C-alpha cells in the first residue's frame, strides 16, 4: 500500500494537467487508507507508542502536502470541459 502511494505520487508528478487531478485524488485516498491501517496496527498493539509516534509526524507532513496538492489541482480548470 505504501508503495502504491509512492507510485501514484510519482505518476502525478509526470502527468499532464488534464489527468493530474485524478491521480492526486487516488494517491490521497490510498494515503488515507494507509494512515487508517497504521492506526489499526497501533490499536492492535502491532506498533508500540514510540513506533507510532515516530511514524505519525512524517505521515501528517505528507498528508498536508498531498492535501495542498489536491487543492491546487482542483483549482485548475479542466481543459476537457471547455
C-alpha atoms as a PDB file:
ATOM      1  CA  UNK A   1       0.000   0.000   0.000  1.00  0.00           C
ATOM      2  CA  UNK A   2       2.829   2.412   0.849  1.00  0.00           C
ATOM      3  CA  UNK A   3       4.475   1.668  -2.475  1.00  0.00           C
ATOM      4  CA  UNK A   4       1.154   2.316  -4.234  1.00  0.00           C
ATOM      5  CA  UNK A   5       1.052   5.809  -2.727  1.00  0.00           C
ATOM      6  CA  UNK A   6       4.636   6.496  -3.799  1.00  0.00           C
ATOM      7  CA  UNK A   7       3.920   5.208  -7.301  1.00  0.00           C
ATOM      8  CA  UNK A   8       0.843   7.427  -7.634  1.00  0.00           C
ATOM      9  CA  UNK A   9       2.701  10.495  -6.362  1.00  0.00           C
ATOM     10  CA  UNK A  10       5.482   9.907  -8.879  1.00  0.00           C
ATOM     11  CA  UNK A  11       2.978   9.342 -11.675  1.00  0.00           C
ATOM     12  CA  UNK A  12       1.139  12.552 -10.799  1.00  0.00           C
ATOM     13  CA  UNK A  13       4.386  14.478 -10.943  1.00  0.00           C
ATOM     14  CA  UNK A  14       4.953  13.417 -14.545  1.00  0.00           C
ATOM     15  CA  UNK A  15       1.353  13.509 -15.765  1.00  0.00           C
ATOM     16  CA  UNK A  16      -0.231  16.292 -17.783  1.00  0.00           C
ATOM     17  CA  UNK A  17      -2.559  18.721 -16.029  1.00  0.00           C
ATOM     18  CA  UNK A  18      -5.507  17.043 -17.708  1.00  0.00           C
ATOM     19  CA  UNK A  19      -5.041  13.805 -15.728  1.00  0.00           C
ATOM     20  CA  UNK A  20      -3.107  15.014 -12.687  1.00  0.00           C
ATOM     21  CA  UNK A  21      -6.193  15.694 -10.542  1.00  0.00           C
ATOM     22  CA  UNK A  22      -7.460  12.155 -10.884  1.00  0.00           C
ATOM     23  CA  UNK A  23      -4.128  10.652  -9.920  1.00  0.00           C
ATOM     24  CA  UNK A  24      -3.613  13.008  -6.962  1.00  0.00           C
ATOM     25  CA  UNK A  25      -7.121  12.157  -5.694  1.00  0.00           C
ATOM     26  CA  UNK A  26      -6.312   8.459  -5.951  1.00  0.00           C
ATOM     27  CA  UNK A  27      -2.987   8.971  -4.126  1.00  0.00           C
ATOM     28  CA  UNK A  28      -4.766  10.920  -1.389  1.00  0.00           C
ATOM     29  CA  UNK A  29      -7.357   8.184  -0.977  1.00  0.00           C
ATOM     30  CA  UNK A  30      -4.703   5.449  -0.793  1.00  0.00           C
ATOM     31  CA  UNK A  31      -2.750   7.559   1.686  1.00  0.00           C
ATOM     32  CA  UNK A  32      -5.822   7.936   3.906  1.00  0.00           C
ATOM     33  CA  UNK A  33      -6.179   4.144   3.851  1.00  0.00           C
ATOM     34  CA  UNK A  34      -2.529   3.759   4.781  1.00  0.00           C
ATOM     35  CA  UNK A  35      -2.955   6.089   7.766  1.00  0.00           C
ATOM     36  CA  UNK A  36      -6.024   4.125   8.862  1.00  0.00           C
ATOM     37  CA  UNK A  37      -4.162   0.820   8.711  1.00  0.00           C
ATOM     38  CA  UNK A  38      -1.255   2.304  10.662  1.00  0.00           C
ATOM     39  CA  UNK A  39      -3.683   3.410  13.369  1.00  0.00           C
ATOM     40  CA  UNK A  40      -5.303  -0.032  13.447  1.00  0.00           C
ATOM     41  CA  UNK A  41      -1.855  -1.625  13.767  1.00  0.00           C
ATOM     42  CA  UNK A  42      -1.140   0.663  16.737  1.00  0.00           C
ATOM     43  CA  UNK A  43      -4.500  -0.077  18.367  1.00  0.00           C
ATOM     44  CA  UNK A  44      -3.904  -3.815  17.978  1.00  0.00           C
ATOM     45  CA  UNK A  45      -0.516  -3.466  19.624  1.00  0.00           C
ATOM     46  CA  UNK A  46       1.452  -4.299  16.496  1.00  0.00           C
ATOM     47  CA  UNK A  47       3.184  -0.929  16.865  1.00  0.00           C
ATOM     48  CA  UNK A  48       4.181   0.420  20.248  1.00  0.00           C
ATOM     49  CA  UNK A  49       3.651   4.056  21.223  1.00  0.00           C
ATOM     50  CA  UNK A  50       7.178   5.116  20.261  1.00  0.00           C
ATOM     51  CA  UNK A  51       6.957   3.496  16.833  1.00  0.00           C
ATOM     52  CA  UNK A  52       3.560   5.026  16.172  1.00  0.00           C
ATOM     53  CA  UNK A  53       4.717   8.468  17.310  1.00  0.00           C
ATOM     54  CA  UNK A  54       7.827   8.231  15.127  1.00  0.00           C
ATOM     55  CA  UNK A  55       5.721   7.333  12.074  1.00  0.00           C
ATOM     56  CA  UNK A  56       2.837   9.731  12.754  1.00  0.00           C
ATOM     57  CA  UNK A  57       4.684  13.023  12.235  1.00  0.00           C
ATOM     58  CA  UNK A  58       6.059  12.211   8.769  1.00  0.00           C
ATOM     59  CA  UNK A  59       2.647  10.802   7.796  1.00  0.00           C
ATOM     60  CA  UNK A  60       0.991  14.046   8.909  1.00  0.00           C
ATOM     61  CA  UNK A  61       3.511  16.059   6.886  1.00  0.00           C
ATOM     62  CA  UNK A  62       2.913  14.005   3.740  1.00  0.00           C
ATOM     63  CA  UNK A  63      -0.845  14.290   4.274  1.00  0.00           C
ATOM     64  CA  UNK A  64      -0.593  18.087   4.434  1.00  0.00           C
ATOM     65  CA  UNK A  65       1.482  18.148   1.251  1.00  0.00           C
ATOM     66  CA  UNK A  66      -0.960  15.871  -0.552  1.00  0.00           C
ATOM     67  CA  UNK A  67      -3.884  17.966   0.666  1.00  0.00           C
ATOM     68  CA  UNK A  68      -2.248  21.130  -0.650  1.00  0.00           C
ATOM     69  CA  UNK A  69      -1.519  19.489  -3.978  1.00  0.00           C
ATOM     70  CA  UNK A  70      -5.102  18.265  -4.172  1.00  0.00           C
ATOM     71  CA  UNK A  71      -6.425  21.800  -3.605  1.00  0.00           C
ATOM     72  CA  UNK A  72      -4.053  23.100  -6.252  1.00  0.00           C
ATOM     73  CA  UNK A  73      -5.101  20.625  -8.938  1.00  0.00           C
ATOM     74  CA  UNK A  74      -8.784  21.110  -8.124  1.00  0.00           C
ATOM     75  CA  UNK A  75      -8.372  24.844  -8.751  1.00  0.00           C
ATOM     76  CA  UNK A  76      -7.055  24.219 -12.281  1.00  0.00           C
ATOM     77  CA  UNK A  77      -9.869  24.437 -14.831  1.00  0.00           C
ATOM     78  CA  UNK A  78     -10.482  21.197 -16.655  1.00  0.00           C
ATOM     79  CA  UNK A  79      -9.481  21.726 -20.294  1.00  0.00           C
ATOM     80  CA  UNK A  80     -11.775  18.910 -21.455  1.00  0.00           C
ATOM     81  CA  UNK A  81     -14.926  20.702 -20.273  1.00  0.00           C
ATOM     82  CA  UNK A  82     -14.407  23.797 -22.428  1.00  0.00           C
END
